[in-house]
């Protein structure tokens, strides 16, 4: 099950890539890269959901992707960073960690704890 969490994290990283691509892609190669990032992120998310509850996978995927996108905007594109934004990202990540901790306690249907 640990490798499934790695898949979710990698999927979230690819989500950040395709979200950036949707905003900044100008050439055919950039659009192709965006399409590949979409495919990889959803493929990994779907395969991880075979062993982790779907709702948890989706919440973690979106939470990490959102936090990563906000950080990428700030670090790569000069978007101003505000303290409120930082606190909300920390709150979001706390929720993601909490979901992971809760889902590890329960066995998924068909598996042993």
PDB file of N, CA and C in Angstrom:
ATOM      1  N   UNK A   1       0.832  -1.199   0.000  1.00  0.00           N
ATOM      2  CA  UNK A   1       0.000   0.000   0.000  1.00  0.00           C
ATOM      3  C   UNK A   1       0.872   1.258   0.000  1.00  0.00           C
ATOM      4  N   UNK A   2       2.091   1.160   0.486  1.00  0.00           N
ATOM      5  CA  UNK A   2       2.974   2.316   0.516  1.00  0.00           C
ATOM      6  C   UNK A   2       3.268   2.812  -0.895  1.00  0.00           C
ATOM      7  N   UNK A   3       3.441   1.872  -1.833  1.00  0.00           N
ATOM      8  CA  UNK A   3       3.717   2.275  -3.214  1.00  0.00           C
ATOM      9  C   UNK A   3       2.512   2.991  -3.829  1.00  0.00           C
ATOM     10  N   UNK A   4       1.325   2.677  -3.347  1.00  0.00           N
ATOM     11  CA  UNK A   4       0.135   3.385  -3.843  1.00  0.00           C
ATOM     12  C   UNK A   4       0.146   4.846  -3.414  1.00  0.00           C
ATOM     13  N   UNK A   5       0.645   5.138  -2.217  1.00  0.00           N
ATOM     14  CA  UNK A   5       0.758   6.529  -1.776  1.00  0.00           C
ATOM     15  C   UNK A   5       1.807   7.267  -2.586  1.00  0.00           C
ATOM     16  N   UNK A   6       2.872   6.566  -2.956  1.00  0.00           N
ATOM     17  CA  UNK A   6       3.888   7.183  -3.821  1.00  0.00           C
ATOM     18  C   UNK A   6       3.261   7.537  -5.166  1.00  0.00           C
ATOM     19  N   UNK A   7       2.412   6.652  -5.677  1.00  0.00           N
ATOM     20  CA  UNK A   7       1.707   6.935  -6.936  1.00  0.00           C
ATOM     21  C   UNK A   7       0.855   8.195  -6.820  1.00  0.00           C
ATOM     22  N   UNK A   8       0.169   8.359  -5.702  1.00  0.00           N
ATOM     23  CA  UNK A   8      -0.675   9.547  -5.506  1.00  0.00           C
ATOM     24  C   UNK A   8       0.187  10.810  -5.488  1.00  0.00           C
ATOM     25  N   UNK A   9       1.320  10.749  -4.814  1.00  0.00           N
ATOM     26  CA  UNK A   9       2.205  11.922  -4.737  1.00  0.00           C
ATOM     27  C   UNK A   9       2.768  12.258  -6.117  1.00  0.00           C
ATOM     28  N   UNK A  10       3.202  11.248  -6.852  1.00  0.00           N
ATOM     29  CA  UNK A  10       3.723  11.496  -8.198  1.00  0.00           C
ATOM     30  C   UNK A  10       2.614  12.012  -9.110  1.00  0.00           C
ATOM     31  N   UNK A  11       1.419  11.463  -8.961  1.00  0.00           N
ATOM     32  CA  UNK A  11       0.271  11.947  -9.746  1.00  0.00           C
ATOM     33  C   UNK A  11       0.007  13.422  -9.467  1.00  0.00           C
ATOM     34  N   UNK A  12       0.129  13.826  -8.209  1.00  0.00           N
ATOM     35  CA  UNK A  12      -0.079  15.231  -7.850  1.00  0.00           C
ATOM     36  C   UNK A  12       0.997  16.119  -8.470  1.00  0.00           C
ATOM     37  N   UNK A  13       2.231  15.629  -8.522  1.00  0.00           N
ATOM     38  CA  UNK A  13       3.301  16.401  -9.175  1.00  0.00           C
ATOM     39  C   UNK A  13       3.006  16.587 -10.663  1.00  0.00           C
ATOM     40  N   UNK A  14       2.530  15.530 -11.297  1.00  0.00           N
ATOM     41  CA  UNK A  14       2.162  15.652 -12.711  1.00  0.00           C
ATOM     42  C   UNK A  14       0.943  16.560 -12.886  1.00  0.00           C
ATOM     43  N   UNK A  15       0.065  16.579 -11.883  1.00  0.00           N
ATOM     44  CA  UNK A  15      -1.078  17.498 -11.948  1.00  0.00           C
ATOM     45  C   UNK A  15      -0.595  18.942 -11.985  1.00  0.00           C
ATOM     46  N   UNK A  16       0.380  19.262 -11.154  1.00  0.00           N
ATOM     47  CA  UNK A  16       0.951  20.611 -11.156  1.00  0.00           C
ATOM     48  C   UNK A  16       1.491  20.933 -12.548  1.00  0.00           C
ATOM     49  N   UNK A  17       2.174  19.971 -13.155  1.00  0.00           N
ATOM     50  CA  UNK A  17       2.738  20.187 -14.497  1.00  0.00           C
ATOM     51  C   UNK A  17       1.656  20.468 -15.527  1.00  0.00           C
ATOM     52  N   UNK A  18       0.571  19.669 -15.506  1.00  0.00           N
ATOM     53  CA  UNK A  18      -0.429  19.900 -16.553  1.00  0.00           C
ATOM     54  C   UNK A  18      -1.255  21.152 -16.296  1.00  0.00           C
ATOM     55  N   UNK A  19      -1.436  21.518 -15.030  1.00  0.00           N
ATOM     56  CA  UNK A  19      -2.150  22.770 -14.760  1.00  0.00           C
ATOM     57  C   UNK A  19      -1.330  23.958 -15.262  1.00  0.00           C
ATOM     58  N   UNK A  20      -0.023  23.927 -15.015  1.00  0.00           N
ATOM     59  CA  UNK A  20       0.852  24.971 -15.542  1.00  0.00           C
ATOM     60  C   UNK A  20       0.821  24.954 -17.064  1.00  0.00           C
ATOM     61  N   UNK A  21       0.845  23.751 -17.651  1.00  0.00           N
ATOM     62  CA  UNK A  21       0.787  23.624 -19.104  1.00  0.00           C
ATOM     63  C   UNK A  21      -0.481  24.204 -19.692  1.00  0.00           C
ATOM     64  N   UNK A  22      -1.613  24.003 -19.029  1.00  0.00           N
ATOM     65  CA  UNK A  22      -2.872  24.552 -19.547  1.00  0.00           C
ATOM     66  C   UNK A  22      -2.824  26.076 -19.626  1.00  0.00           C
ATOM     67  N   UNK A  23      -2.106  26.685 -18.705  1.00  0.00           N
ATOM     68  CA  UNK A  23      -2.033  28.147 -18.680  1.00  0.00           C
ATOM     69  C   UNK A  23      -0.943  28.691 -19.600  1.00  0.00           C
ATOM     70  N   UNK A  24       0.185  27.986 -19.701  1.00  0.00           N
ATOM     71  CA  UNK A  24       1.354  28.578 -20.352  1.00  0.00           C
ATOM     72  C   UNK A  24       1.773  27.922 -21.671  1.00  0.00           C
ATOM     73  N   UNK A  25       1.154  26.829 -22.070  1.00  0.00           N
ATOM     74  CA  UNK A  25       1.570  26.143 -23.303  1.00  0.00           C
ATOM     75  C   UNK A  25       1.267  27.005 -24.521  1.00  0.00           C
ATOM     76  N   UNK A  26       2.294  27.149 -25.384  1.00  0.00           N
ATOM     77  CA  UNK A  26       2.138  27.940 -26.602  1.00  0.00           C
ATOM     78  C   UNK A  26       2.429  27.142 -27.867  1.00  0.00           C
ATOM     79  N   UNK A  27       3.226  26.096 -27.760  1.00  0.00           N
ATOM     80  CA  UNK A  27       3.618  25.337 -28.949  1.00  0.00           C
ATOM     81  C   UNK A  27       2.991  23.946 -28.916  1.00  0.00           C
ATOM     82  N   UNK A  28       3.078  23.270 -30.033  1.00  0.00           N
ATOM     83  CA  UNK A  28       2.539  21.907 -30.118  1.00  0.00           C
ATOM     84  C   UNK A  28       3.253  20.981 -29.143  1.00  0.00           C
ATOM     85  N   UNK A  29       4.584  21.143 -28.980  1.00  0.00           N
ATOM     86  CA  UNK A  29       5.331  20.307 -28.053  1.00  0.00           C
ATOM     87  C   UNK A  29       4.906  20.554 -26.611  1.00  0.00           C
ATOM     88  N   UNK A  30       4.643  21.801 -26.269  1.00  0.00           N
ATOM     89  CA  UNK A  30       4.196  22.108 -24.906  1.00  0.00           C
ATOM     90  C   UNK A  30       2.810  21.530 -24.647  1.00  0.00           C
ATOM     91  N   UNK A  31       1.931  21.594 -25.658  1.00  0.00           N
ATOM     92  CA  UNK A  31       0.605  21.002 -25.511  1.00  0.00           C
ATOM     93  C   UNK A  31       0.695  19.480 -25.421  1.00  0.00           C
ATOM     94  N   UNK A  32       1.619  18.886 -26.179  1.00  0.00           N
ATOM     95  CA  UNK A  32       1.820  17.437 -26.103  1.00  0.00           C
ATOM     96  C   UNK A  32       2.317  17.049 -24.708  1.00  0.00           C
ATOM     97  N   UNK A  33       3.243  17.823 -24.169  1.00  0.00           N
ATOM     98  CA  UNK A  33       3.719  17.570 -22.807  1.00  0.00           C
ATOM     99  C   UNK A  33       2.610  17.692 -21.778  1.00  0.00           C
ATOM    100  N   UNK A  34       1.742  18.664 -21.988  1.00  0.00           N
ATOM    101  CA  UNK A  34       0.595  18.837 -21.089  1.00  0.00           C
ATOM    102  C   UNK A  34      -0.322  17.621 -21.157  1.00  0.00           C
ATOM    103  N   UNK A  35      -0.576  17.128 -22.367  1.00  0.00           N
ATOM    104  CA  UNK A  35      -1.430  15.950 -22.540  1.00  0.00           C
ATOM    105  C   UNK A  35      -0.811  14.722 -21.871  1.00  0.00           C
ATOM    106  N   UNK A  36       0.489  14.549 -22.016  1.00  0.00           N
ATOM    107  CA  UNK A  36       1.177  13.420 -21.371  1.00  0.00           C
ATOM    108  C   UNK A  36       1.070  13.546 -19.852  1.00  0.00           C
ATOM    109  N   UNK A  37       1.245  14.747 -19.325  1.00  0.00           N
ATOM    110  CA  UNK A  37       1.139  14.958 -17.881  1.00  0.00           C
ATOM    111  C   UNK A  37      -0.266  14.643 -17.373  1.00  0.00           C
ATOM    112  N   UNK A  38      -1.292  15.016 -18.157  1.00  0.00           N
ATOM    113  CA  UNK A  38      -2.672  14.682 -17.781  1.00  0.00           C
ATOM    114  C   UNK A  38      -2.838  13.166 -17.721  1.00  0.00           C
ATOM    115  N   UNK A  39      -2.372  12.486 -18.769  1.00  0.00           N
ATOM    116  CA  UNK A  39      -2.506  11.025 -18.824  1.00  0.00           C
ATOM    117  C   UNK A  39      -1.800  10.365 -17.638  1.00  0.00           C
ATOM    118  N   UNK A  40      -0.550  10.739 -17.393  1.00  0.00           N
ATOM    119  CA  UNK A  40       0.226  10.122 -16.315  1.00  0.00           C
ATOM    120  C   UNK A  40      -0.424  10.382 -14.961  1.00  0.00           C
ATOM    121  N   UNK A  41      -0.853  11.620 -14.719  1.00  0.00           N
ATOM    122  CA  UNK A  41      -1.434  11.936 -13.410  1.00  0.00           C
ATOM    123  C   UNK A  41      -2.712  11.140 -13.163  1.00  0.00           C
ATOM    124  N   UNK A  42      -3.578  11.048 -14.153  1.00  0.00           N
ATOM    125  CA  UNK A  42      -4.822  10.308 -13.948  1.00  0.00           C
ATOM    126  C   UNK A  42      -4.592   8.805 -13.907  1.00  0.00           C
ATOM    127  N   UNK A  43      -3.658   8.309 -14.712  1.00  0.00           N
ATOM    128  CA  UNK A  43      -3.341   6.878 -14.681  1.00  0.00           C
ATOM    129  C   UNK A  43      -2.861   6.476 -13.287  1.00  0.00           C
ATOM    130  N   UNK A  44      -1.914   7.234 -12.739  1.00  0.00           N
ATOM    131  CA  UNK A  44      -1.391   6.920 -11.409  1.00  0.00           C
ATOM    132  C   UNK A  44      -2.463   7.044 -10.338  1.00  0.00           C
ATOM    133  N   UNK A  45      -3.298   8.070 -10.446  1.00  0.00           N
ATOM    134  CA  UNK A  45      -4.365   8.257  -9.463  1.00  0.00           C
ATOM    135  C   UNK A  45      -5.348   7.075  -9.520  1.00  0.00           C
ATOM    136  N   UNK A  46      -5.709   6.663 -10.716  1.00  0.00           N
ATOM    137  CA  UNK A  46      -6.666   5.559 -10.864  1.00  0.00           C
ATOM    138  C   UNK A  46      -6.076   4.252 -10.362  1.00  0.00           C
ATOM    139  N   UNK A  47      -4.805   3.977 -10.679  1.00  0.00           N
ATOM    140  CA  UNK A  47      -4.208   2.723 -10.204  1.00  0.00           C
ATOM    141  C   UNK A  47      -4.039   2.724  -8.679  1.00  0.00           C
ATOM    142  N   UNK A  48      -3.752   3.864  -8.097  1.00  0.00           N
ATOM    143  CA  UNK A  48      -3.642   3.935  -6.639  1.00  0.00           C
ATOM    144  C   UNK A  48      -4.993   3.680  -5.979  1.00  0.00           C
ATOM    145  N   UNK A  49      -6.069   4.080  -6.645  1.00  0.00           N
ATOM    146  CA  UNK A  49      -7.397   3.923  -6.043  1.00  0.00           C
ATOM    147  C   UNK A  49      -7.872   2.473  -6.032  1.00  0.00           C
ATOM    148  N   UNK A  50      -7.085   1.576  -6.597  1.00  0.00           N
ATOM    149  CA  UNK A  50      -7.429   0.150  -6.511  1.00  0.00           C
ATOM    150  C   UNK A  50      -7.199  -0.392  -5.100  1.00  0.00           C
ATOM    151  N   UNK A  51      -6.318   0.261  -4.345  1.00  0.00           N
ATOM    152  CA  UNK A  51      -5.979  -0.228  -3.011  1.00  0.00           C
ATOM    153  C   UNK A  51      -6.224   0.785  -1.893  1.00  0.00           C
ATOM    154  N   UNK A  52      -6.497   2.018  -2.265  1.00  0.00           N
ATOM    155  CA  UNK A  52      -6.794   3.070  -1.286  1.00  0.00           C
ATOM    156  C   UNK A  52      -8.196   3.578  -1.623  1.00  0.00           C
ATOM    157  N   UNK A  53      -9.012   3.914  -0.637  1.00  0.00           N
ATOM    158  CA  UNK A  53     -10.356   4.413  -0.932  1.00  0.00           C
ATOM    159  C   UNK A  53     -10.326   5.592  -1.921  1.00  0.00           C
ATOM    160  N   UNK A  54     -11.216   5.551  -2.886  1.00  0.00           N
ATOM    161  CA  UNK A  54     -11.241   6.543  -3.963  1.00  0.00           C
ATOM    162  C   UNK A  54     -11.374   7.961  -3.435  1.00  0.00           C
ATOM    163  N   UNK A  55     -12.236   8.175  -2.472  1.00  0.00           N
ATOM    164  CA  UNK A  55     -12.428   9.520  -1.918  1.00  0.00           C
ATOM    165  C   UNK A  55     -11.157  10.058  -1.291  1.00  0.00           C
ATOM    166  N   UNK A  56     -10.425   9.201  -0.621  1.00  0.00           N
ATOM    167  CA  UNK A  56      -9.171   9.614   0.005  1.00  0.00           C
ATOM    168  C   UNK A  56      -8.125   9.935  -1.055  1.00  0.00           C
ATOM    169  N   UNK A  57      -8.019   9.056  -2.064  1.00  0.00           N
ATOM    170  CA  UNK A  57      -7.057   9.288  -3.152  1.00  0.00           C
ATOM    171  C   UNK A  57      -7.348  10.624  -3.826  1.00  0.00           C
ATOM    172  N   UNK A  58      -8.601  10.870  -4.135  1.00  0.00           N
ATOM    173  CA  UNK A  58      -8.956  12.092  -4.839  1.00  0.00           C
ATOM    174  C   UNK A  58      -8.676  13.328  -3.983  1.00  0.00           C
ATOM    175  N   UNK A  59      -9.024  13.258  -2.707  1.00  0.00           N
ATOM    176  CA  UNK A  59      -8.792  14.404  -1.818  1.00  0.00           C
ATOM    177  C   UNK A  59      -7.301  14.704  -1.686  1.00  0.00           C
ATOM    178  N   UNK A  60      -6.487  13.671  -1.530  1.00  0.00           N
ATOM    179  CA  UNK A  60      -5.047  13.873  -1.403  1.00  0.00           C
ATOM    180  C   UNK A  60      -4.474  14.392  -2.715  1.00  0.00           C
ATOM    181  N   UNK A  61      -4.893  13.803  -3.828  1.00  0.00           N
ATOM    182  CA  UNK A  61      -4.442  14.215  -5.161  1.00  0.00           C
ATOM    183  C   UNK A  61      -4.735  15.696  -5.400  1.00  0.00           C
ATOM    184  N   UNK A  62      -5.955  16.099  -5.160  1.00  0.00           N
ATOM    185  CA  UNK A  62      -6.353  17.490  -5.391  1.00  0.00           C
ATOM    186  C   UNK A  62      -5.677  18.420  -4.380  1.00  0.00           C
ATOM    187  N   UNK A  63      -5.590  18.004  -3.125  1.00  0.00           N
ATOM    188  CA  UNK A  63      -4.961  18.844  -2.113  1.00  0.00           C
ATOM    189  C   UNK A  63      -3.493  19.107  -2.405  1.00  0.00           C
ATOM    190  N   UNK A  64      -2.754  18.041  -2.715  1.00  0.00           N
ATOM    191  CA  UNK A  64      -1.339  18.217  -3.028  1.00  0.00           C
ATOM    192  C   UNK A  64      -1.160  18.979  -4.337  1.00  0.00           C
ATOM    193  N   UNK A  65      -2.012  18.697  -5.307  1.00  0.00           N
ATOM    194  CA  UNK A  65      -1.934  19.418  -6.585  1.00  0.00           C
ATOM    195  C   UNK A  65      -2.211  20.898  -6.422  1.00  0.00           C
ATOM    196  N   UNK A  66      -3.183  21.230  -5.600  1.00  0.00           N
ATOM    197  CA  UNK A  66      -3.509  22.634  -5.352  1.00  0.00           C
ATOM    198  C   UNK A  66      -2.359  23.339  -4.643  1.00  0.00           C
ATOM    199  N   UNK A  67      -1.842  22.724  -3.606  1.00  0.00           N
ATOM    200  CA  UNK A  67      -0.723  23.323  -2.879  1.00  0.00           C
ATOM    201  C   UNK A  67       0.493  23.474  -3.798  1.00  0.00           C
ATOM    202  N   UNK A  68       0.773  22.446  -4.597  1.00  0.00           N
ATOM    203  CA  UNK A  68       1.898  22.507  -5.517  1.00  0.00           C
ATOM    204  C   UNK A  68       1.740  23.573  -6.577  1.00  0.00           C
ATOM    205  N   UNK A  69       0.527  23.742  -7.064  1.00  0.00           N
ATOM    206  CA  UNK A  69       0.269  24.755  -8.090  1.00  0.00           C
ATOM    207  C   UNK A  69       0.457  26.160  -7.521  1.00  0.00           C
ATOM    208  N   UNK A  70      -0.027  26.391  -6.322  1.00  0.00           N
ATOM    209  CA  UNK A  70       0.147  27.705  -5.690  1.00  0.00           C
ATOM    210  C   UNK A  70       1.634  27.981  -5.460  1.00  0.00           C
ATOM    211  N   UNK A  71       2.361  26.984  -4.982  1.00  0.00           N
ATOM    212  CA  UNK A  71       3.797  27.168  -4.760  1.00  0.00           C
ATOM    213  C   UNK A  71       4.544  27.393  -6.076  1.00  0.00           C
ATOM    214  N   UNK A  72       4.171  26.655  -7.120  1.00  0.00           N
ATOM    215  CA  UNK A  72       4.816  26.827  -8.425  1.00  0.00           C
ATOM    216  C   UNK A  72       4.537  28.214  -8.992  1.00  0.00           C
ATOM    217  N   UNK A  73       3.302  28.697  -8.832  1.00  0.00           N
ATOM    218  CA  UNK A  73       2.974  30.064  -9.284  1.00  0.00           C
ATOM    219  C   UNK A  73       3.895  31.079  -8.632  1.00  0.00           C
ATOM    220  N   UNK A  74       4.111  30.897  -7.348  1.00  0.00           N
ATOM    221  CA  UNK A  74       4.938  31.840  -6.589  1.00  0.00           C
ATOM    222  C   UNK A  74       6.415  31.723  -6.966  1.00  0.00           C
ATOM    223  N   UNK A  75       6.926  30.505  -7.001  1.00  0.00           N
ATOM    224  CA  UNK A  75       8.354  30.293  -7.228  1.00  0.00           C
ATOM    225  C   UNK A  75       8.771  30.481  -8.687  1.00  0.00           C
ATOM    226  N   UNK A  76       7.919  30.066  -9.615  1.00  0.00           N
ATOM    227  CA  UNK A  76       8.308  30.083 -11.030  1.00  0.00           C
ATOM    228  C   UNK A  76       7.788  31.286 -11.807  1.00  0.00           C
ATOM    229  N   UNK A  77       6.656  31.840 -11.377  1.00  0.00           N
ATOM    230  CA  UNK A  77       6.009  32.877 -12.178  1.00  0.00           C
ATOM    231  C   UNK A  77       5.821  34.200 -11.455  1.00  0.00           C
ATOM    232  N   UNK A  78       6.422  34.334 -10.272  1.00  0.00           N
ATOM    233  CA  UNK A  78       6.414  35.608  -9.572  1.00  0.00           C
ATOM    234  C   UNK A  78       5.078  36.051  -9.010  1.00  0.00           C
ATOM    235  N   UNK A  79       4.165  35.117  -8.826  1.00  0.00           N
ATOM    236  CA  UNK A  79       2.874  35.446  -8.202  1.00  0.00           C
ATOM    237  C   UNK A  79       3.132  35.854  -6.757  1.00  0.00           C
ATOM    238  N   UNK A  80       2.540  36.964  -6.290  1.00  0.00           N
ATOM    239  CA  UNK A  80       2.794  37.370  -4.898  1.00  0.00           C
ATOM    240  C   UNK A  80       2.284  36.330  -3.902  1.00  0.00           C
ATOM    241  N   UNK A  81       3.068  36.104  -2.871  1.00  0.00           N
ATOM    242  CA  UNK A  81       2.695  35.151  -1.831  1.00  0.00           C
ATOM    243  C   UNK A  81       2.250  35.925  -0.603  1.00  0.00           C
ATOM    244  N   UNK A  82       1.106  35.581  -0.090  1.00  0.00           N
ATOM    245  CA  UNK A  82       0.561  36.250   1.087  1.00  0.00           C
ATOM    246  C   UNK A  82       0.509  35.265   2.251  1.00  0.00           C
ATOM    247  N   UNK A  83       0.615  35.771   3.459  1.00  0.00           N
ATOM    248  CA  UNK A  83       0.585  34.930   4.651  1.00  0.00           C
ATOM    249  C   UNK A  83      -0.706  34.109   4.716  1.00  0.00           C
ATOM    250  N   UNK A  84      -1.821  34.698   4.350  1.00  0.00           N
ATOM    251  CA  UNK A  84      -3.100  33.978   4.382  1.00  0.00           C
ATOM    252  C   UNK A  84      -3.062  32.773   3.439  1.00  0.00           C
ATOM    253  N   UNK A  85      -2.445  32.958   2.280  1.00  0.00           N
ATOM    254  CA  UNK A  85      -2.300  31.857   1.322  1.00  0.00           C
ATOM    255  C   UNK A  85      -1.482  30.730   1.945  1.00  0.00           C
ATOM    256  N   UNK A  86      -0.394  31.084   2.591  1.00  0.00           N
ATOM    257  CA  UNK A  86       0.461  30.098   3.237  1.00  0.00           C
ATOM    258  C   UNK A  86      -0.261  29.333   4.330  1.00  0.00           C
ATOM    259  N   UNK A  87      -1.016  30.040   5.150  1.00  0.00           N
ATOM    260  CA  UNK A  87      -1.772  29.385   6.222  1.00  0.00           C
ATOM    261  C   UNK A  87      -2.830  28.444   5.667  1.00  0.00           C
ATOM    262  N   UNK A  88      -3.491  28.864   4.605  1.00  0.00           N
ATOM    263  CA  UNK A  88      -4.519  28.005   3.996  1.00  0.00           C
ATOM    264  C   UNK A  88      -3.904  26.767   3.350  1.00  0.00           C
ATOM    265  N   UNK A  89      -2.723  26.903   2.752  1.00  0.00           N
ATOM    266  CA  UNK A  89      -2.032  25.734   2.197  1.00  0.00           C
ATOM    267  C   UNK A  89      -1.659  24.771   3.319  1.00  0.00           C
ATOM    268  N   UNK A  90      -1.162  25.299   4.437  1.00  0.00           N
ATOM    269  CA  UNK A  90      -0.833  24.442   5.577  1.00  0.00           C
ATOM    270  C   UNK A  90      -2.068  23.722   6.110  1.00  0.00           C
ATOM    271  N   UNK A  91      -3.185  24.419   6.168  1.00  0.00           N
ATOM    272  CA  UNK A  91      -4.435  23.800   6.602  1.00  0.00           C
ATOM    273  C   UNK A  91      -4.850  22.693   5.634  1.00  0.00           C
ATOM    274  N   UNK A  92      -4.732  22.959   4.351  1.00  0.00           N
ATOM    275  CA  UNK A  92      -5.059  21.970   3.331  1.00  0.00           C
ATOM    276  C   UNK A  92      -4.165  20.739   3.467  1.00  0.00           C
ATOM    277  N   UNK A  93      -2.867  20.959   3.635  1.00  0.00           N
ATOM    278  CA  UNK A  93      -1.943  19.835   3.779  1.00  0.00           C
ATOM    279  C   UNK A  93      -2.184  19.064   5.074  1.00  0.00           C
ATOM    280  N   UNK A  94      -2.585  19.752   6.134  1.00  0.00           N
ATOM    281  CA  UNK A  94      -2.928  19.061   7.377  1.00  0.00           C
ATOM    282  C   UNK A  94      -4.122  18.128   7.156  1.00  0.00           C
ATOM    283  N   UNK A  95      -5.084  18.584   6.387  1.00  0.00           N
ATOM    284  CA  UNK A  95      -6.230  17.736   6.047  1.00  0.00           C
ATOM    285  C   UNK A  95      -5.812  16.524   5.225  1.00  0.00           C
ATOM    286  N   UNK A  96      -4.895  16.730   4.294  1.00  0.00           N
ATOM    287  CA  UNK A  96      -4.402  15.639   3.459  1.00  0.00           C
ATOM    288  C   UNK A  96      -3.690  14.596   4.322  1.00  0.00           C
ATOM    289  N   UNK A  97      -2.820  15.050   5.211  1.00  0.00           N
ATOM    290  CA  UNK A  97      -2.107  14.133   6.098  1.00  0.00           C
ATOM    291  C   UNK A  97      -3.107  13.402   6.998  1.00  0.00           C
ATOM    292  N   UNK A  98      -4.091  14.123   7.494  1.00  0.00           N
ATOM    293  CA  UNK A  98      -5.117  13.502   8.325  1.00  0.00           C
ATOM    294  C   UNK A  98      -5.872  12.415   7.581  1.00  0.00           C
ATOM    295  N   UNK A  99      -6.217  12.656   6.335  1.00  0.00           N
ATOM    296  CA  UNK A  99      -6.906  11.630   5.539  1.00  0.00           C
ATOM    297  C   UNK A  99      -6.026  10.398   5.345  1.00  0.00           C
ATOM    298  N   UNK A 100      -4.752  10.621   5.117  1.00  0.00           N
ATOM    299  CA  UNK A 100      -3.837   9.493   4.943  1.00  0.00           C
ATOM    300  C   UNK A 100      -3.770   8.667   6.229  1.00  0.00           C
ATOM    301  N   UNK A 101      -3.646   9.350   7.359  1.00  0.00           N
ATOM    302  CA  UNK A 101      -3.567   8.639   8.631  1.00  0.00           C
ATOM    303  C   UNK A 101      -4.837   7.842   8.914  1.00  0.00           C
ATOM    304  N   UNK A 102      -5.981   8.415   8.625  1.00  0.00           N
ATOM    305  CA  UNK A 102      -7.254   7.737   8.857  1.00  0.00           C
ATOM    306  C   UNK A 102      -7.409   6.550   7.919  1.00  0.00           C
ATOM    307  N   UNK A 103      -7.027   6.711   6.655  1.00  0.00           N
ATOM    308  CA  UNK A 103      -7.222   5.614   5.698  1.00  0.00           C
ATOM    309  C   UNK A 103      -6.272   4.461   5.960  1.00  0.00           C
ATOM    310  N   UNK A 104      -5.115   4.693   6.571  1.00  0.00           N
ATOM    311  CA  UNK A 104      -4.189   3.613   6.893  1.00  0.00           C
ATOM    312  C   UNK A 104      -4.725   2.733   8.021  1.00  0.00           C
ATOM    313  N   UNK A 105      -5.605   3.262   8.835  1.00  0.00           N
ATOM    314  CA  UNK A 105      -6.133   2.518   9.976  1.00  0.00           C
ATOM    315  C   UNK A 105      -7.165   1.475   9.551  1.00  0.00           C
ATOM    316  N   UNK A 106      -7.812   1.703   8.425  1.00  0.00           N
ATOM    317  CA  UNK A 106      -8.878   0.819   7.983  1.00  0.00           C
ATOM    318  C   UNK A 106      -8.417   0.005   6.793  1.00  0.00           C
ATOM    319  N   UNK A 107      -8.756  -1.260   6.795  1.00  0.00           N
ATOM    320  CA  UNK A 107      -8.417  -2.107   5.656  1.00  0.00           C
ATOM    321  C   UNK A 107      -9.412  -1.843   4.532  1.00  0.00           C
ATOM    322  N   UNK A 108      -8.899  -1.859   3.327  1.00  0.00           N
ATOM    323  CA  UNK A 108      -9.761  -1.710   2.162  1.00  0.00           C
ATOM    324  C   UNK A 108     -10.429  -3.038   1.921  1.00  0.00           C
ATOM    325  N   UNK A 109     -11.659  -3.019   1.421  1.00  0.00           N
ATOM    326  CA  UNK A 109     -12.427  -4.222   1.179  1.00  0.00           C
ATOM    327  C   UNK A 109     -11.588  -5.247   0.410  1.00  0.00           C
ATOM    328  N   UNK A 110     -11.518  -6.452   0.916  1.00  0.00           N
ATOM    329  CA  UNK A 110     -10.783  -7.510   0.242  1.00  0.00           C
ATOM    330  C   UNK A 110      -9.330  -7.655   0.689  1.00  0.00           C
ATOM    331  N   UNK A 111      -8.849  -6.756   1.538  1.00  0.00           N
ATOM    332  CA  UNK A 111      -7.476  -6.826   2.022  1.00  0.00           C
ATOM    333  C   UNK A 111      -7.485  -6.948   3.532  1.00  0.00           C
ATOM    334  N   UNK A 112      -6.400  -7.462   4.058  1.00  0.00           N
ATOM    335  CA  UNK A 112      -6.279  -7.561   5.512  1.00  0.00           C
ATOM    336  C   UNK A 112      -5.550  -6.365   6.063  1.00  0.00           C
ATOM    337  N   UNK A 113      -5.865  -5.980   7.292  1.00  0.00           N
ATOM    338  CA  UNK A 113      -5.236  -4.806   7.908  1.00  0.00           C
ATOM    339  C   UNK A 113      -3.782  -5.017   8.210  1.00  0.00           C
TER     340      UNK A 113
END
